[in-house]
Amino acid sequence: MKNEKIMISSKDIDLNNALKDIDENIAALKLEKKDAMHLRLIAEETLGMLNAMTGDFKALMWFERSVKEATMNLTAKTGSMDIDTKNELLSVSSTGRNASTKGFMAKIGDIIENGVLNFENVMKLEQQYGTGYVGYGAMGEMSADFALSWSLSQYRNSLSAAKADDAEAEDAWDELEKSVVASLAKDVTVGVKKEQVEMKVLMEIKDV
């Protein structure tokens, strides 16, 4: 089952209106009450992530369900995001990292921004500000469809293998464990190609 798409824009974003549309679309899926609440939380966290990104965007969000799974889908087109803006954010940080990327969803936003920006320029930032800026677990796996693709399942596996010997990976694992989205989602996938972003959050549900 698939429902109508909700238009969301950074220029005129009204979270109340967007959440009202989201609630109506989720209700149409006829999920068990707890599953509907969880899917709404995922959508709300995604809206917050989009709103915190440094560039303008226009996005479509919609929901699907099968017998045992529900999916939040997002297709976004970004604009006015450039390497100078990203460099400015990092230059004022004492650590050379984007101080705003606290939390799992903020890191997904950072991954999206990195994917939208020219890959060569992103690697220059990595060299300038040190390791850890670009590499979040399995981020950066190339695919035929996207210049950058990332998945929560691969990220989780990478951190699980690294956290015993790497303090930064251990911190990222703790952050992941505290994330609402990461705890509810079976998987999160992100694909970026030029200014086009596609994101899916897959959640297991009860059959009702």
Protein backbone atom coordinates (compact mmCIF):
# COMPACT_ATOMS: atom_id res chain seq x y z
CA MET A 1 0.00 0.00 0.00
CA LYS A 2 1.34 3.43 -0.99
CA ASN A 3 -0.07 6.87 -0.21
CA GLU A 4 0.12 10.40 -1.58
CA LYS A 5 3.32 12.43 -1.51
CA ILE A 6 3.75 15.36 0.87
CA MET A 7 5.65 18.42 -0.43
CA ILE A 8 8.13 19.93 2.03
CA SER A 9 10.27 23.02 1.35
CA SER A 10 12.95 24.70 3.47
CA LYS A 11 11.74 28.15 2.38
CA ASP A 12 8.20 27.81 3.66
CA ILE A 13 8.49 24.82 5.97
CA ASP A 14 5.71 24.68 8.52
CA LEU A 15 6.27 21.70 10.75
CA ASN A 16 2.71 21.78 12.06
CA ASN A 17 1.20 21.56 8.56
CA ALA A 18 3.72 18.92 7.50
CA LEU A 19 3.05 16.83 10.59
CA LYS A 20 -0.71 17.10 10.04
CA ASP A 21 -0.28 15.70 6.51
CA ILE A 22 2.05 13.03 7.84
CA ASP A 23 -0.46 11.97 10.49
CA GLU A 24 -3.21 11.68 7.86
CA ASN A 25 -1.02 9.63 5.53
CA ILE A 26 0.15 7.30 8.28
CA ALA A 27 -3.45 6.83 9.45
CA ALA A 28 -4.36 5.72 5.92
CA LEU A 29 -1.91 2.81 6.26
CA LYS A 30 -4.09 1.36 9.08
CA LEU A 31 -1.14 0.40 11.25
CA GLU A 32 -1.29 -0.85 14.80
CA LYS A 33 -1.29 2.21 17.13
CA LYS A 34 2.25 1.70 18.41
CA ASP A 35 3.64 1.19 14.89
CA ALA A 36 1.87 4.34 13.68
CA MET A 37 3.43 6.32 16.54
CA HIS A 38 6.90 4.96 15.73
CA LEU A 39 6.57 5.80 12.04
CA ARG A 40 5.45 9.31 12.96
CA LEU A 41 8.52 9.73 15.21
CA ILE A 42 10.77 8.68 12.33
CA ALA A 43 9.11 11.20 10.02
CA GLU A 44 9.38 13.96 12.64
CA GLU A 45 13.10 13.26 13.17
CA THR A 46 13.62 13.37 9.40
CA LEU A 47 11.90 16.76 9.17
CA GLY A 48 14.18 18.06 11.90
CA MET A 49 17.23 16.77 10.05
CA LEU A 50 16.15 18.48 6.83
CA ASN A 51 15.44 21.74 8.63
CA ALA A 52 18.94 21.72 10.15
CA MET A 53 20.79 21.29 6.85
CA THR A 54 22.84 24.25 5.59
CA GLY A 55 21.26 24.46 2.12
CA ASP A 56 17.78 24.98 0.70
CA PHE A 57 15.77 21.94 -0.31
CA LYS A 58 12.50 20.77 -1.77
CA ALA A 59 11.37 17.31 -0.78
CA LEU A 60 8.59 14.78 -1.26
CA MET A 61 7.77 12.40 1.59
CA TRP A 62 5.43 9.41 1.40
CA PHE A 63 4.74 6.15 3.18
CA GLU A 64 4.23 2.54 2.14
CA ARG A 65 3.35 -0.66 3.94
CA SER A 66 3.33 -4.36 3.32
CA VAL A 67 2.21 -7.12 5.67
CA LYS A 68 5.26 -6.93 7.94
CA GLU A 69 7.04 -3.69 7.03
CA ALA A 70 6.37 0.05 6.71
CA THR A 71 8.61 2.49 4.86
CA MET A 72 9.10 6.23 5.01
CA ASN A 73 10.35 7.47 1.64
CA LEU A 74 11.98 10.82 0.95
CA THR A 75 13.14 12.32 -2.33
CA ALA A 76 14.77 15.74 -2.03
CA LYS A 77 16.46 18.22 -4.33
CA THR A 78 18.95 20.55 -2.69
CA GLY A 79 20.12 23.98 -3.73
CA SER A 80 22.48 26.77 -2.60
CA MET A 81 24.74 24.29 -0.80
CA ASP A 82 28.38 24.95 -1.59
CA ILE A 83 31.82 23.99 -0.39
CA ASP A 84 32.53 27.50 0.93
CA THR A 85 29.58 27.27 3.33
CA LYS A 86 30.79 23.88 4.56
CA ASN A 87 34.35 25.14 4.91
CA GLU A 88 33.14 28.16 6.90
CA LEU A 89 31.25 25.91 9.33
CA LEU A 90 34.36 23.86 9.95
CA SER A 91 36.78 26.79 10.14
CA VAL A 92 35.02 28.26 13.19
CA SER A 93 35.08 24.93 15.00
CA SER A 94 37.93 24.37 17.43
CA THR A 95 37.98 20.67 16.56
CA GLY A 96 37.81 21.06 12.79
CA ARG A 97 34.56 19.09 12.79
CA ASN A 98 31.02 20.21 12.19
CA ALA A 99 29.89 20.93 15.75
CA SER A 100 26.24 20.65 14.74
CA THR A 101 26.52 16.95 13.85
CA LYS A 102 25.56 15.71 17.29
CA GLY A 103 23.22 12.78 17.11
CA PHE A 104 22.53 10.08 14.56
CA MET A 105 20.11 12.07 12.38
CA ALA A 106 22.47 15.05 12.31
CA LYS A 107 25.16 12.75 10.97
CA ILE A 108 22.82 11.56 8.22
CA GLY A 109 22.27 15.22 7.32
CA ASP A 110 26.03 15.72 7.21
CA ILE A 111 26.43 12.65 5.00
CA ILE A 112 23.80 14.03 2.61
CA GLU A 113 25.57 17.40 2.48
CA ASN A 114 28.91 15.70 1.78
CA GLY A 115 27.32 13.67 -1.00
CA VAL A 116 25.79 16.74 -2.63
CA LEU A 117 29.07 18.63 -2.58
CA ASN A 118 31.73 17.82 -5.15
CA PHE A 119 33.55 14.67 -3.96
CA GLU A 120 36.99 16.09 -4.73
CA ASN A 121 36.27 19.16 -2.60
CA VAL A 122 34.97 17.03 0.25
CA MET A 123 38.21 15.04 0.22
CA LYS A 124 40.14 18.32 0.43
CA LEU A 125 38.18 19.14 3.58
CA GLU A 126 39.07 15.70 4.93
CA GLN A 127 42.77 16.43 4.36
CA GLN A 128 42.49 19.91 5.85
CA TYR A 129 40.54 19.03 8.99
CA GLY A 130 41.74 15.49 9.62
CA THR A 131 40.29 12.00 9.62
CA GLY A 132 36.77 11.29 10.77
CA TYR A 133 35.12 14.14 8.89
CA VAL A 134 34.12 12.11 5.84
CA GLY A 135 34.20 8.55 7.10
CA TYR A 136 31.16 7.42 9.09
CA GLY A 137 31.34 3.65 9.11
CA ALA A 138 30.43 2.29 5.69
CA MET A 139 29.66 5.70 4.18
CA GLY A 140 30.99 6.17 0.66
CA GLU A 141 30.29 2.78 -0.85
CA MET A 142 29.82 3.49 -4.56
CA SER A 143 26.93 2.14 -6.59
CA ALA A 144 25.77 2.31 -10.19
CA ASP A 145 22.77 4.48 -9.35
CA PHE A 146 24.25 6.95 -6.85
CA ALA A 147 27.56 8.77 -6.45
CA LEU A 148 27.25 8.04 -2.74
CA SER A 149 25.24 5.37 -0.96
CA TRP A 150 25.02 4.63 2.76
CA SER A 151 23.03 2.26 4.92
CA LEU A 152 22.38 1.97 8.64
CA SER A 153 22.94 -1.78 8.61
CA GLN A 154 26.43 -1.41 7.14
CA TYR A 155 27.19 1.49 9.49
CA ARG A 156 26.10 -0.58 12.49
CA ASN A 157 28.21 -3.55 11.39
CA SER A 158 31.27 -1.33 10.84
CA LEU A 159 30.97 0.28 14.27
CA SER A 160 30.38 -3.07 15.97
CA ALA A 161 33.62 -4.39 14.52
CA ALA A 162 35.64 -1.25 15.32
CA LYS A 163 34.37 -0.09 18.70
CA ALA A 164 36.53 -2.40 20.81
CA ASP A 165 39.75 -0.79 19.55
CA ASP A 166 38.62 2.70 18.50
CA ALA A 167 37.37 5.27 21.01
CA GLU A 168 35.69 7.35 18.30
CA ALA A 169 33.85 4.30 16.97
CA GLU A 170 32.78 3.45 20.53
CA ASP A 171 31.37 6.98 20.98
CA ALA A 172 29.53 6.67 17.64
CA TRP A 173 28.12 3.30 18.77
CA ASP A 174 26.85 4.83 22.01
CA GLU A 175 25.26 7.63 19.99
CA LEU A 176 23.64 5.07 17.72
CA GLU A 177 22.26 3.14 20.70
CA LYS A 178 20.57 6.32 21.97
CA SER A 179 19.00 7.24 18.63
CA VAL A 180 15.22 6.96 18.33
CA VAL A 181 15.40 6.35 14.58
CA ALA A 182 18.19 3.79 14.79
CA SER A 183 16.33 1.85 17.49
CA LEU A 184 13.08 1.77 15.52
CA ALA A 185 14.40 1.25 12.00
CA LYS A 186 15.24 -2.11 10.47
CA ASP A 187 17.38 -0.17 8.02
CA VAL A 188 17.99 3.36 6.74
CA THR A 189 19.42 3.89 3.26
CA VAL A 190 20.61 7.13 1.72
CA GLY A 191 21.56 7.72 -1.91
CA VAL A 192 22.93 10.97 -3.35
CA LYS A 193 23.49 11.84 -6.99
CA LYS A 194 24.39 15.46 -7.72
CA GLU A 195 21.61 17.50 -6.06
CA GLN A 196 19.15 14.59 -5.83
CA VAL A 197 18.78 12.78 -2.51
CA GLU A 198 16.79 9.62 -1.84
CA MET A 199 16.26 8.26 1.65
CA LYS A 200 14.30 5.27 2.90
CA VAL A 201 13.61 4.22 6.47
CA LEU A 202 12.32 0.66 6.77
CA MET A 203 10.50 -0.43 9.94
CA GLU A 204 9.07 -3.79 10.94
CA ILE A 205 5.39 -3.73 11.92
CA LYS A 206 2.76 -6.03 13.36
CA ASP A 207 0.27 -7.55 10.97
CA VAL A 208 -3.16 -6.07 11.76
